Amino acid sequence: MALGKLQKVLISESLDPCCREILQAGGLRVQEKPGLSKEELLREIRDCDGLIVRSATKVTAEVLEAAERLQVVGRAGTGVDNVDVEAATRKGVLVMNTPTGNSLSAAELTCGMILCLARQIPQAAASMKEGKWDRKKYMGMELNGKTLAVLGLGRIGREVATRMQAFGMKTIGYDPIITPDVSATFGVEQLPLEQIWPRCDFITVHTPLLPSTTGMSGHGHREVWGELGQPPSAHSPPSAGLLNDSTFAKCRRGVQVVNCARGGIVDEGALLRALQSGQCGGAALDVFTQEPPKDRDLVNHPNVISCPHLGASTREAQSRCGKEIAMQIVDMATGKGLTGVVNGQALSKAFAPQTKPWIALARALGTVLCTAGKQVQGSVQVCTLGTPLKEAGSYLTPAVAAGMLAGGTQKEVTLVNATLLAQEAGLKVTTTHSDVAPEPDSSTGLVQVSLQGTPHQVTGTVQGSTPALRQINGATFKLPAPLSGPILIYRAKASDTSALATLTGLLSKAGAQLLSYHSSSTVAGEQWSIVGLSAPLPNLGELKPRVTEIFQLHL
């Protein structure tokens, strides 16, 4: 899996003390240094295996490059737009979040914002503090019978919807992932965005900060929202948001807008123009494109309620997020499992005892195929055979890619970055599945990896917990050959036994032992042999004249 032992974790922001306590109880050394400057973070991160942040720390490509030992970035919260996820993936660093930790707190704040907009509570309270008694000025509206549009129906969106239904609000919404049948179970009627704009009295957004939600005008949307907090990187958002001049023009006059998700989803310039014209009757904002906002025109508008990003600022949410991210990192460190992974879902399966040998097999097959085919570029087909491997393609595909790239110039290839690095290397890996596997492997399964457009193909299985080769380029091993440790693979004429005799002499000279020997069926008068060694041979020069091809691997 190419992840080393986690030893030292840096917490760069203020978190509940339980976070530190759980990490220390799990055997990890912890440094708590909130409020680090960029330069200080670059120094502190160099010898850390883990980093835990909230939303203030910017985990940029520069920070990741300086982190020589970093294996995981844990976000104690949902959104990870302050982490350059692509740069982390490229380096093989896992990014985790706690998607459920602050859901209730964010939902409750959103509901409070809707109530404040309807009754102008903050403005009335401020007026009272000024010694005024303006009963007529702060005429509000009832929520009963009003229509609330919920854009993004993940955990937070659905919690908001169900709570506001208790006030008699009609809830409509949109989410490209959640199906209308599912949203109907929690009382939200899904509609196309073009039908939502003219129907709603209130709009609340609960989408991630993605290019699609910072530049979409209501049509041509292919974006994947799912849950708030899965953006691809820490790049600055475009200026046009999900709610912009175009979409405001399609809304009812006086529409009320709430954004407790991410700054940039609502175009702040368009919002100010809509407020000034009366097209938007009021806005409640907990988040801004720039935090804290330097341009105060929006904050100072009389019909705007604003907070300094308080969505997760409850004792309960902070305790929950700190506890969850600490437990996730301890589970990773102890090999118990992976949860909350943003960029390495394949690794989640790698911790299961039953999948580890299959991942090792897939990686070994990739290495053997790449070495035998003498190329990394091209199309590779991974075929899983047998019912036990029906869902295995998701984690075996990056493992095959990692095996094929292992001998290249990359510093380290893991299941986290294998797919990305494979694409950049011109390697396309696809997966198919068949429930039927030939005997004698029908009960366990087979993995077959082929280099498209060439005769090169390898097939393997797992015996006990040991990866083993069943076929190579059409030649079958009656007894599968183990693929672990130092191995020698060669092809020679079936009638010529001199290669084995020469190999025995070389082993004696090198002080190495022959641990296993397997030969294949004969194809075109030649056989493949796989030899397990106690140590690699320093020189294969004497063997090469006696074989058609030969290569040595350490798996």
Protein backbone atom coordinates (compact mmCIF):
# COMPACT_ATOMS: atom_id res chain seq x y z
CA MET A 1 0.00 0.00 0.00
CA ALA A 2 3.12 2.14 0.23
CA LEU A 3 1.97 4.03 3.31
CA GLY A 4 4.51 4.13 6.08
CA LYS A 5 4.04 4.23 9.81
CA LEU A 6 2.33 7.35 11.15
CA GLN A 7 4.29 8.81 14.04
CA LYS A 8 3.92 12.58 14.28
CA VAL A 9 0.81 14.70 13.70
CA LEU A 10 0.64 18.51 13.57
CA ILE A 11 -2.61 20.24 14.59
CA SER A 12 -2.39 23.71 13.04
CA GLU A 13 -5.66 25.15 14.37
CA SER A 14 -7.58 25.28 17.63
CA LEU A 15 -9.50 22.05 18.14
CA ASP A 16 -11.29 20.39 21.01
CA PRO A 17 -8.77 18.84 23.44
CA CYS A 18 -10.29 15.40 22.76
CA CYS A 19 -8.58 15.45 19.34
CA ARG A 20 -5.11 15.57 20.88
CA GLU A 21 -6.04 13.08 23.60
CA ILE A 22 -7.35 10.48 21.13
CA LEU A 23 -4.26 10.81 18.93
CA GLN A 24 -1.91 10.42 21.88
CA ALA A 25 -3.87 7.45 23.22
CA GLY A 26 -3.41 5.89 19.77
CA GLY A 27 0.37 6.10 20.14
CA LEU A 28 0.98 9.22 18.02
CA ARG A 29 3.15 12.21 18.88
CA VAL A 30 1.14 15.42 18.63
CA GLN A 31 2.19 19.02 18.10
CA GLU A 32 -0.47 21.69 18.57
CA LYS A 33 0.53 24.97 16.95
CA PRO A 34 -2.50 27.06 16.00
CA GLY A 35 -2.11 30.33 14.17
CA LEU A 36 1.04 29.47 12.19
CA SER A 37 2.10 31.85 9.45
CA LYS A 38 2.75 30.39 6.00
CA GLU A 39 6.51 30.42 6.60
CA GLU A 40 6.14 28.79 10.02
CA LEU A 41 3.86 26.09 8.58
CA LEU A 42 6.41 25.33 5.85
CA ARG A 43 9.03 24.75 8.56
CA GLU A 44 6.86 22.77 10.96
CA ILE A 45 5.38 20.42 8.37
CA ARG A 46 8.70 19.01 7.14
CA ASP A 47 8.94 16.09 9.57
CA CYS A 48 5.21 15.46 10.13
CA ASP A 49 3.36 12.37 8.93
CA GLY A 50 -0.08 13.89 9.47
CA LEU A 51 -1.65 17.35 9.47
CA ILE A 52 -5.02 18.27 10.97
CA VAL A 53 -6.67 21.55 9.95
CA ARG A 54 -9.99 23.33 10.09
CA SER A 55 -10.68 25.97 7.42
CA ALA A 56 -8.08 28.68 8.10
CA THR A 57 -4.92 26.71 7.20
CA LYS A 58 -4.28 26.75 3.45
CA VAL A 59 -2.73 23.41 2.47
CA THR A 60 -1.29 24.51 -0.86
CA ALA A 61 0.95 22.68 -3.32
CA GLU A 62 3.89 24.54 -1.76
CA VAL A 63 3.02 23.25 1.70
CA LEU A 64 2.59 19.70 0.40
CA GLU A 65 5.94 19.87 -1.40
CA ALA A 66 7.67 20.96 1.80
CA ALA A 67 6.07 18.09 3.72
CA GLU A 68 8.64 15.39 3.06
CA ARG A 69 6.98 12.72 5.22
CA LEU A 70 3.33 13.73 5.01
CA GLN A 71 0.86 10.88 4.45
CA VAL A 72 -2.49 12.35 5.45
CA VAL A 73 -4.24 15.71 5.74
CA GLY A 74 -7.25 15.57 8.03
CA ARG A 75 -9.90 18.28 7.75
CA ALA A 76 -11.90 18.57 10.97
CA GLY A 77 -15.04 19.56 9.12
CA THR A 78 -16.72 19.05 5.78
CA GLY A 79 -15.38 21.34 3.06
CA VAL A 80 -11.84 20.79 1.82
CA ASP A 81 -11.54 23.78 -0.50
CA ASN A 82 -8.63 25.03 1.65
CA VAL A 83 -6.69 21.90 0.61
CA ASP A 84 -5.16 21.47 -2.85
CA VAL A 85 -6.55 17.97 -3.27
CA GLU A 86 -5.04 17.47 -6.73
CA ALA A 87 -1.54 18.31 -5.48
CA ALA A 88 -2.06 16.02 -2.49
CA THR A 89 -3.21 13.21 -4.77
CA ARG A 90 -0.22 13.68 -7.06
CA LYS A 91 2.09 13.29 -4.08
CA GLY A 92 0.21 10.29 -2.73
CA VAL A 93 -1.09 12.13 0.33
CA LEU A 94 -4.53 11.12 1.59
CA VAL A 95 -7.07 13.83 2.30
CA MET A 96 -9.78 13.05 4.87
CA ASN A 97 -12.74 15.02 6.15
CA THR A 98 -15.52 14.54 8.67
CA PRO A 99 -18.59 14.98 6.47
CA THR A 100 -21.12 14.40 9.26
CA GLY A 101 -19.40 16.27 12.08
CA ASN A 102 -20.87 19.73 11.61
CA SER A 103 -23.98 18.92 9.56
CA LEU A 104 -26.47 19.63 12.35
CA SER A 105 -24.77 22.84 13.43
CA ALA A 106 -24.68 24.16 9.85
CA ALA A 107 -28.29 23.16 9.29
CA GLU A 108 -29.46 24.85 12.50
CA LEU A 109 -27.61 28.07 11.62
CA THR A 110 -29.25 28.04 8.19
CA CYS A 111 -32.70 27.66 9.76
CA GLY A 112 -31.90 30.51 12.13
CA MET A 113 -30.87 32.67 9.19
CA ILE A 114 -34.16 31.99 7.41
CA LEU A 115 -36.09 33.01 10.53
CA CYS A 116 -33.97 36.16 10.91
CA LEU A 117 -34.65 37.14 7.28
CA ALA A 118 -38.37 36.59 7.67
CA ARG A 119 -38.65 38.71 10.85
CA GLN A 120 -35.57 41.01 10.59
CA ILE A 121 -34.54 39.95 14.09
CA PRO A 122 -30.89 41.16 13.99
CA GLN A 123 -31.89 44.60 12.64
CA ALA A 124 -34.62 44.98 15.24
CA ALA A 125 -32.25 43.94 18.03
CA ALA A 126 -29.63 46.46 16.84
CA SER A 127 -32.33 49.16 16.74
CA MET A 128 -33.31 48.42 20.34
CA LYS A 129 -29.69 48.74 21.45
CA GLU A 130 -29.70 52.21 19.85
CA GLY A 131 -32.61 53.16 22.10
CA LYS A 132 -35.26 53.01 19.34
CA TRP A 133 -38.72 51.41 19.30
CA ASP A 134 -39.44 50.86 15.57
CA ARG A 135 -42.39 48.47 15.49
CA LYS A 136 -43.61 49.58 12.06
CA LYS A 137 -40.19 49.55 10.40
CA TYR A 138 -39.56 45.86 11.00
CA MET A 139 -42.69 44.35 9.47
CA GLY A 140 -41.90 40.72 8.68
CA MET A 141 -43.51 37.74 6.98
CA GLU A 142 -44.75 34.33 8.05
CA LEU A 143 -42.88 31.29 6.79
CA ASN A 144 -46.03 29.20 6.67
CA GLY A 145 -47.03 28.65 3.05
CA LYS A 146 -43.81 30.07 1.63
CA THR A 147 -41.65 28.07 -0.79
CA LEU A 148 -38.06 27.24 0.14
CA ALA A 149 -35.66 26.10 -2.59
CA VAL A 150 -32.86 23.88 -1.26
CA LEU A 151 -30.00 23.64 -3.74
CA GLY A 152 -27.90 20.63 -2.75
CA LEU A 153 -29.74 17.83 -0.95
CA GLY A 154 -26.92 16.17 0.94
CA ARG A 155 -26.83 15.83 4.71
CA ILE A 156 -27.13 19.53 5.49
CA GLY A 157 -29.68 20.31 2.78
CA ARG A 158 -32.05 17.58 3.89
CA GLU A 159 -31.72 18.56 7.57
CA VAL A 160 -32.66 22.13 6.66
CA ALA A 161 -35.60 20.97 4.54
CA THR A 162 -37.13 18.76 7.23
CA ARG A 163 -36.78 21.44 9.89
CA MET A 164 -38.33 24.19 7.77
CA GLN A 165 -41.22 21.91 6.82
CA ALA A 166 -42.18 22.12 10.51
CA PHE A 167 -42.81 25.85 9.91
CA GLY A 168 -45.23 24.99 7.12
CA MET A 169 -42.83 25.80 4.28
CA LYS A 170 -43.12 24.00 0.95
CA THR A 171 -39.70 22.61 0.05
CA ILE A 172 -38.47 22.20 -3.51
CA GLY A 173 -34.90 21.53 -4.54
CA TYR A 174 -32.26 20.35 -6.93
CA ASP A 175 -29.35 17.92 -6.73
CA PRO A 176 -27.76 16.08 -9.67
CA ILE A 177 -26.91 13.04 -7.54
CA ILE A 178 -29.83 12.55 -5.15
CA THR A 179 -32.74 11.05 -7.11
CA PRO A 180 -36.25 12.58 -6.98
CA ASP A 181 -37.54 9.37 -5.37
CA VAL A 182 -35.03 9.72 -2.54
CA SER A 183 -35.65 13.43 -1.99
CA ALA A 184 -39.39 12.76 -1.91
CA THR A 185 -38.85 10.61 1.18
CA PHE A 186 -37.80 13.73 3.12
CA GLY A 187 -40.43 15.98 1.58
CA VAL A 188 -38.50 17.78 -1.18
CA GLU A 189 -39.90 17.97 -4.70
CA GLN A 190 -37.02 18.03 -7.18
CA LEU A 191 -37.28 20.34 -10.17
CA PRO A 192 -34.92 21.58 -12.90
CA LEU A 193 -33.17 24.80 -11.88
CA GLU A 194 -35.01 26.77 -14.57
CA GLN A 195 -38.31 25.86 -12.89
CA ILE A 196 -37.03 26.60 -9.40
CA TRP A 197 -36.00 30.24 -9.86
CA PRO A 198 -39.50 31.70 -10.47
CA ARG A 199 -41.24 29.56 -7.82
CA CYS A 200 -39.32 30.17 -4.62
CA ASP A 201 -39.62 32.78 -1.87
CA PHE A 202 -36.39 31.67 -0.16
CA ILE A 203 -33.26 30.03 -1.59
CA THR A 204 -30.64 28.24 0.52
CA VAL A 205 -27.51 26.74 -1.05
CA HIS A 206 -25.75 23.62 0.23
CA THR A 207 -23.45 22.67 -2.64
CA PRO A 208 -19.69 22.16 -2.72
CA LEU A 209 -17.45 24.87 -4.13
CA LEU A 210 -16.87 23.50 -7.63
CA PRO A 211 -16.37 25.16 -11.03
CA SER A 212 -19.96 24.11 -11.79
CA THR A 213 -21.36 25.92 -8.75
CA THR A 214 -19.24 29.03 -9.19
CA GLY A 215 -20.02 29.47 -12.87
CA MET A 216 -23.35 27.81 -13.65
CA SER A 217 -26.31 29.85 -14.83
CA GLY A 218 -28.92 27.14 -14.65
CA HIS A 219 -28.34 25.05 -17.75
CA GLY A 220 -25.80 22.64 -19.15
CA HIS A 221 -25.02 21.26 -15.71
CA ARG A 222 -23.08 18.00 -15.47
CA GLU A 223 -21.61 18.72 -12.07
CA VAL A 224 -21.39 16.25 -9.21
CA TRP A 225 -22.46 17.81 -5.93
CA GLY A 226 -23.29 14.95 -3.57
CA GLU A 227 -22.16 16.47 -0.29
CA LEU A 228 -20.79 19.87 0.56
CA GLY A 229 -17.06 19.70 0.89
CA GLN A 230 -15.59 17.67 -1.97
CA PRO A 231 -14.01 20.35 -4.18
CA PRO A 232 -11.01 19.43 -6.30
CA SER A 233 -8.49 22.00 -5.11
CA ALA A 234 -7.80 25.23 -3.29
CA HIS A 235 -7.91 27.42 -6.38
CA SER A 236 -9.82 30.71 -6.22
CA PRO A 237 -13.38 30.48 -7.56
CA PRO A 238 -14.56 32.28 -10.66
CA SER A 239 -16.60 35.42 -10.18
CA ALA A 240 -19.96 34.13 -11.49
CA GLY A 241 -21.74 31.90 -8.98
CA LEU A 242 -24.66 29.54 -9.00
CA LEU A 243 -26.77 32.58 -8.15
CA ASN A 244 -25.76 35.38 -10.50
CA ASP A 245 -27.26 38.25 -12.51
CA SER A 246 -28.94 35.84 -14.91
CA THR A 247 -30.51 33.63 -12.25
CA PHE A 248 -31.56 36.55 -10.03
CA ALA A 249 -33.45 37.99 -13.02
CA LYS A 250 -35.48 34.76 -13.23
CA CYS A 251 -36.44 34.80 -9.54
CA ARG A 252 -39.51 36.30 -7.91
CA ARG A 253 -39.00 39.91 -6.96
CA GLY A 254 -37.98 40.12 -3.31
CA VAL A 255 -36.53 36.59 -3.13
CA GLN A 256 -34.56 35.91 0.08
CA VAL A 257 -31.14 34.19 -0.18
CA VAL A 258 -29.16 32.21 2.41
CA ASN A 259 -25.57 31.01 1.96
CA CYS A 260 -24.09 29.05 4.85
CA ALA A 261 -22.13 26.78 2.49
CA ARG A 262 -19.15 28.35 0.72
CA GLY A 263 -18.28 31.84 -0.45
CA GLY A 264 -18.42 32.07 -4.24
CA ILE A 265 -21.52 29.94 -4.73
CA VAL A 266 -23.49 33.19 -4.68
CA ASP A 267 -21.97 35.86 -6.93
CA GLU A 268 -21.47 38.66 -4.38
CA GLY A 269 -21.51 41.44 -6.97
CA ALA A 270 -24.74 40.16 -8.50
CA LEU A 271 -26.26 39.78 -5.03
CA LEU A 272 -25.46 43.40 -4.14
CA ARG A 273 -26.98 44.61 -7.42
CA ALA A 274 -30.12 42.51 -6.79
CA LEU A 275 -30.42 43.92 -3.26
CA GLN A 276 -30.00 47.48 -4.50
CA SER A 277 -32.69 47.02 -7.16
CA GLY A 278 -35.08 45.19 -4.82
CA GLN A 279 -35.00 42.01 -6.93
CA CYS A 280 -33.50 40.35 -3.83
CA GLY A 281 -35.36 41.30 -0.67
CA GLY A 282 -32.72 40.13 1.78
CA ALA A 283 -29.69 37.90 2.21
CA ALA A 284 -28.16 35.99 5.10
CA LEU A 285 -24.48 35.16 4.62
CA ASP A 286 -22.18 33.12 6.82
CA VAL A 287 -19.50 32.76 4.14
CA PHE A 288 -17.71 35.02 1.67
CA THR A 289 -15.44 34.70 -1.33
CA GLN A 290 -12.74 36.46 0.67
CA GLU A 291 -12.69 35.92 4.42
CA PRO A 292 -12.78 38.29 6.15
CA PRO A 293 -14.35 40.37 3.35
CA LYS A 294 -12.45 43.54 2.52
CA ASP A 295 -15.26 45.02 0.43
CA ARG A 296 -17.88 45.91 3.06
CA ASP A 297 -20.69 47.07 0.73
CA LEU A 298 -22.51 43.76 0.99
CA VAL A 299 -22.02 43.34 4.74
CA ASN A 300 -23.16 46.91 5.37
CA HIS A 301 -26.33 46.66 3.29
CA PRO A 302 -29.37 47.09 5.58
CA ASN A 303 -31.07 43.98 4.22
CA VAL A 304 -28.07 41.71 4.75
CA ILE A 305 -27.49 39.58 7.83
CA SER A 306 -23.92 38.34 8.09
CA CYS A 307 -21.86 36.16 10.38
CA PRO A 308 -18.08 35.44 10.44
CA HIS A 309 -18.30 31.84 9.13
CA LEU A 310 -20.00 30.34 12.19
CA GLY A 311 -21.59 27.28 10.53
CA ALA A 312 -19.50 24.79 12.49
CA SER A 313 -18.90 27.03 15.50
CA THR A 314 -20.75 25.13 18.17
CA ARG A 315 -19.19 23.24 21.04
CA GLU A 316 -20.91 20.09 19.89
CA ALA A 317 -19.72 20.33 16.26
CA GLN A 318 -16.14 21.15 17.22
CA SER A 319 -16.00 18.29 19.69
CA ARG A 320 -17.57 15.93 17.16
CA CYS A 321 -15.27 16.96 14.28
CA GLY A 322 -12.13 16.85 16.45
CA LYS A 323 -13.08 13.45 17.80
CA GLU A 324 -13.98 12.02 14.39
CA ILE A 325 -10.83 13.17 12.57
CA ALA A 326 -8.62 11.92 15.41
CA MET A 327 -10.31 8.52 15.40
CA GLN A 328 -10.01 8.30 11.61
CA ILE A 329 -6.27 9.00 11.75
CA VAL A 330 -5.72 6.55 14.61
CA ASP A 331 -7.63 3.89 12.66
CA MET A 332 -5.38 4.57 9.67
CA ALA A 333 -2.23 4.46 11.80
CA THR A 334 -3.20 1.14 13.39
CA GLY A 335 -4.37 -0.43 10.13
CA LYS A 336 -7.93 -0.73 11.39
CA GLY A 337 -9.50 1.03 8.41
CA LEU A 338 -10.07 4.22 6.45
CA THR A 339 -13.14 6.45 6.56
CA GLY A 340 -13.87 9.94 5.29
CA VAL A 341 -11.34 9.65 2.45
CA VAL A 342 -11.74 12.35 -0.20
CA ASN A 343 -9.11 11.33 -2.75
CA GLY A 344 -8.21 7.67 -2.21
CA GLN A 345 -11.38 5.64 -1.98
CA ALA A 346 -9.48 2.60 -3.29
CA LEU A 347 -7.39 2.66 -0.13
CA SER A 348 -10.48 2.23 2.01
CA LYS A 349 -10.70 -1.35 0.73
CA ALA A 350 -6.97 -1.93 1.16
CA PHE A 351 -7.35 -2.20 4.93
CA ALA A 352 -9.79 -5.12 4.78
CA PRO A 353 -7.91 -8.39 5.44
CA GLN A 354 -9.68 -10.18 2.60
CA THR A 355 -8.76 -7.53 0.01
CA LYS A 356 -5.10 -6.94 0.89
CA PRO A 357 -3.74 -10.01 -0.97
CA TRP A 358 -5.85 -9.18 -4.03
CA ILE A 359 -4.43 -5.65 -4.10
CA ALA A 360 -0.94 -7.14 -3.80
CA LEU A 361 -1.79 -9.52 -6.67
CA ALA A 362 -3.07 -6.72 -8.91
CA ARG A 363 0.03 -4.66 -8.27
CA ALA A 364 2.29 -7.67 -8.96
CA LEU A 365 0.44 -8.48 -12.19
CA GLY A 366 0.86 -4.88 -13.32
CA THR A 367 4.59 -5.06 -12.67
CA VAL A 368 4.98 -8.40 -14.49
CA LEU A 369 2.93 -7.20 -17.47
CA CYS A 370 4.85 -3.93 -17.75
CA THR A 371 8.19 -5.76 -17.58
CA ALA A 372 7.19 -8.47 -20.05
CA GLY A 373 5.56 -5.97 -22.43
CA LYS A 374 8.45 -3.51 -22.09
CA GLN A 375 6.08 -0.53 -22.16
CA VAL A 376 4.04 1.61 -19.80
CA GLN A 377 1.93 3.52 -22.30
CA GLY A 378 -1.19 2.15 -23.95
CA SER A 379 -4.47 0.59 -22.90
CA VAL A 380 -4.64 -2.03 -20.20
CA GLN A 381 -7.71 -4.17 -19.60
CA VAL A 382 -8.32 -5.55 -16.12
CA CYS A 383 -10.87 -8.36 -16.02
CA THR A 384 -12.08 -9.76 -12.70
CA LEU A 385 -13.47 -13.28 -12.94
CA GLY A 386 -15.66 -14.89 -10.31
CA THR A 387 -18.48 -13.67 -8.04
CA PRO A 388 -16.17 -12.92 -5.06
CA LEU A 389 -14.49 -10.18 -7.15
CA LYS A 390 -17.68 -8.55 -8.43
CA GLU A 391 -17.00 -5.23 -6.65
CA ALA A 392 -13.20 -5.45 -6.75
CA GLY A 393 -12.54 -3.41 -9.88
CA SER A 394 -12.61 -0.08 -8.01
CA TYR A 395 -9.55 -0.93 -5.93
CA LEU A 396 -7.77 -3.38 -8.25
CA THR A 397 -7.58 -0.90 -11.14
CA PRO A 398 -5.35 1.63 -9.31
CA ALA A 399 -3.33 -1.28 -7.92
CA VAL A 400 -2.58 -2.54 -11.46
CA ALA A 401 -1.68 1.01 -12.51
CA ALA A 402 0.63 1.34 -9.50
CA GLY A 403 2.36 -1.91 -10.43
CA MET A 404 2.89 -0.83 -14.03
CA LEU A 405 4.32 2.52 -12.96
CA ALA A 406 6.46 1.12 -10.13
CA GLY A 407 9.62 0.82 -12.20
CA GLY A 408 9.35 4.32 -13.68
CA THR A 409 10.86 7.62 -12.64
CA GLN A 410 8.09 8.56 -10.20
CA LYS A 411 9.28 8.98 -6.61
CA GLU A 412 6.50 6.84 -5.21
CA VAL A 413 3.34 5.40 -6.71
CA THR A 414 0.49 4.55 -4.33
CA LEU A 415 -3.17 3.71 -4.65
CA VAL A 416 -3.81 7.40 -3.96
CA ASN A 417 -1.96 8.80 -6.97
CA ALA A 418 -1.72 5.80 -9.32
CA THR A 419 -4.74 6.66 -11.47
CA LEU A 420 -3.68 10.30 -11.91
CA LEU A 421 -0.05 9.40 -12.69
CA ALA A 422 -1.15 6.66 -15.09
CA GLN A 423 -3.23 9.15 -17.08
CA GLU A 424 -0.29 11.53 -17.27
CA ALA A 425 1.99 8.69 -18.41
CA GLY A 426 -0.38 7.83 -21.27
CA LEU A 427 -1.66 4.66 -19.60
CA LYS A 428 -5.39 3.94 -19.72
CA VAL A 429 -6.64 1.23 -17.37
CA THR A 430 -10.20 -0.06 -17.74
CA THR A 431 -12.09 -2.79 -15.91
CA THR A 432 -14.62 -5.47 -16.82
CA HIS A 433 -16.13 -8.31 -14.79
CA SER A 434 -17.53 -11.78 -15.35
CA ASP A 435 -19.18 -13.83 -12.62
CA VAL A 436 -17.78 -17.01 -14.14
CA ALA A 437 -14.19 -18.07 -13.38
CA PRO A 438 -12.68 -21.29 -14.79
CA GLU A 439 -11.86 -24.20 -12.53
CA PRO A 440 -10.05 -24.66 -10.22
CA ASP A 441 -10.41 -20.96 -9.31
CA SER A 442 -14.19 -20.57 -9.56
CA SER A 443 -14.64 -20.27 -5.79
CA THR A 444 -11.83 -17.75 -5.21
CA GLY A 445 -11.64 -15.79 -8.46
CA LEU A 446 -9.07 -14.70 -11.01
CA VAL A 447 -7.62 -11.36 -12.12
CA GLN A 448 -6.61 -11.09 -15.77
CA VAL A 449 -4.59 -8.13 -17.02
CA SER A 450 -3.98 -7.57 -20.75
CA LEU A 451 -1.93 -5.02 -22.66
CA GLN A 452 -4.25 -4.17 -25.54
CA GLY A 453 -2.89 -4.61 -29.06
CA THR A 454 -0.14 -6.98 -27.88
CA PRO A 455 0.03 -10.70 -27.01
CA HIS A 456 0.96 -9.85 -23.43
CA GLN A 457 -1.48 -11.07 -20.80
CA VAL A 458 -1.09 -12.24 -17.21
CA THR A 459 -3.62 -13.97 -14.97
CA GLY A 460 -3.36 -14.54 -11.25
CA THR A 461 -5.22 -15.64 -8.16
CA VAL A 462 -4.74 -15.67 -4.42
CA GLN A 463 -3.87 -18.87 -2.60
CA GLY A 464 -4.41 -18.43 1.12
CA SER A 465 -3.00 -14.95 1.44
CA THR A 466 -0.32 -15.27 -1.25
CA PRO A 467 -0.65 -13.70 -4.72
CA ALA A 468 0.13 -16.28 -7.41
CA LEU A 469 0.54 -16.30 -11.20
CA ARG A 470 -1.73 -18.69 -13.10
CA GLN A 471 -0.95 -17.74 -16.73
CA ILE A 472 1.46 -15.60 -18.71
CA ASN A 473 1.08 -14.95 -22.44
CA GLY A 474 -1.03 -18.08 -22.97
CA ALA A 475 1.21 -20.43 -20.96
CA THR A 476 -0.47 -21.96 -17.88
CA PHE A 477 1.10 -22.98 -14.60
CA LYS A 478 -0.46 -26.17 -13.28
CA LEU A 479 0.49 -25.06 -9.78
CA PRO A 480 0.21 -21.24 -9.50
CA ALA A 481 3.57 -19.58 -8.95
CA PRO A 482 3.89 -17.27 -5.90
CA LEU A 483 4.39 -13.59 -6.71
CA SER A 484 6.19 -12.28 -3.64
CA GLY A 485 9.71 -11.35 -2.70
CA PRO A 486 12.62 -11.64 -5.16
CA ILE A 487 11.60 -13.68 -8.21
CA LEU A 488 13.22 -14.58 -11.51
CA ILE A 489 11.02 -15.06 -14.58
CA TYR A 490 12.41 -16.48 -17.82
CA ARG A 491 11.28 -18.13 -21.06
CA ALA A 492 13.37 -20.86 -22.70
CA LYS A 493 13.07 -23.86 -24.99
CA ALA A 494 11.24 -26.67 -23.23
CA SER A 495 13.85 -29.17 -24.37
CA ASP A 496 16.78 -27.18 -22.95
CA THR A 497 17.43 -27.68 -19.25
CA SER A 498 20.76 -25.85 -19.20
CA ALA A 499 19.18 -22.62 -17.91
CA LEU A 500 18.18 -24.26 -14.64
CA ALA A 501 21.62 -25.81 -14.19
CA THR A 502 23.30 -22.44 -14.84
CA LEU A 503 20.89 -20.76 -12.39
CA THR A 504 21.81 -23.27 -9.68
CA GLY A 505 25.48 -22.35 -10.11
CA LEU A 506 24.73 -18.64 -9.96
CA LEU A 507 22.75 -19.06 -6.76
CA SER A 508 25.64 -20.95 -5.17
CA LYS A 509 28.09 -18.20 -6.11
CA ALA A 510 25.77 -15.48 -4.76
CA GLY A 511 25.03 -17.35 -1.53
CA ALA A 512 21.30 -17.27 -2.34
CA GLN A 513 18.76 -20.04 -2.11
CA LEU A 514 16.13 -21.32 -4.52
CA LEU A 515 12.87 -21.14 -2.55
CA SER A 516 10.43 -22.29 -5.24
CA TYR A 517 10.37 -23.32 -8.88
CA HIS A 518 7.37 -23.43 -11.20
CA SER A 519 7.28 -24.16 -14.93
CA SER A 520 4.43 -23.55 -17.33
CA SER A 521 2.83 -25.53 -20.10
CA THR A 522 4.66 -25.51 -23.43
CA VAL A 523 3.66 -22.93 -26.04
CA ALA A 524 5.42 -23.01 -29.44
CA GLY A 525 8.13 -25.25 -27.96
CA GLU A 526 8.90 -22.87 -25.09
CA GLN A 527 8.18 -22.78 -21.37
CA TRP A 528 8.04 -20.02 -18.79
CA SER A 529 9.76 -20.58 -15.46
CA ILE A 530 9.26 -18.63 -12.24
CA VAL A 531 11.86 -18.99 -9.53
CA GLY A 532 11.46 -17.73 -5.98
CA LEU A 533 14.77 -16.55 -4.53
CA SER A 534 16.01 -15.75 -1.04
CA ALA A 535 17.86 -12.72 -2.45
CA PRO A 536 18.17 -11.05 -5.86
CA LEU A 537 20.99 -12.20 -8.16
CA PRO A 538 23.57 -9.47 -8.81
CA ASN A 539 24.21 -10.49 -12.44
CA LEU A 540 22.16 -12.42 -15.01
CA GLY A 541 24.84 -12.34 -17.71
CA GLU A 542 25.53 -16.09 -17.69
CA LEU A 543 21.83 -16.92 -17.99
CA LYS A 544 20.92 -14.64 -20.88
CA PRO A 545 22.51 -16.74 -23.68
CA ARG A 546 20.48 -19.78 -22.54
CA VAL A 547 17.01 -18.14 -22.51
CA THR A 548 14.75 -16.26 -24.90
CA GLU A 549 13.98 -13.58 -22.33
CA ILE A 550 14.58 -13.07 -18.63
CA PHE A 551 13.80 -10.49 -15.97
CA GLN A 552 14.15 -10.21 -12.23
CA LEU A 553 11.62 -8.52 -9.94
CA HIS A 554 11.16 -7.82 -6.25
CA LEU A 555 7.46 -7.98 -5.40
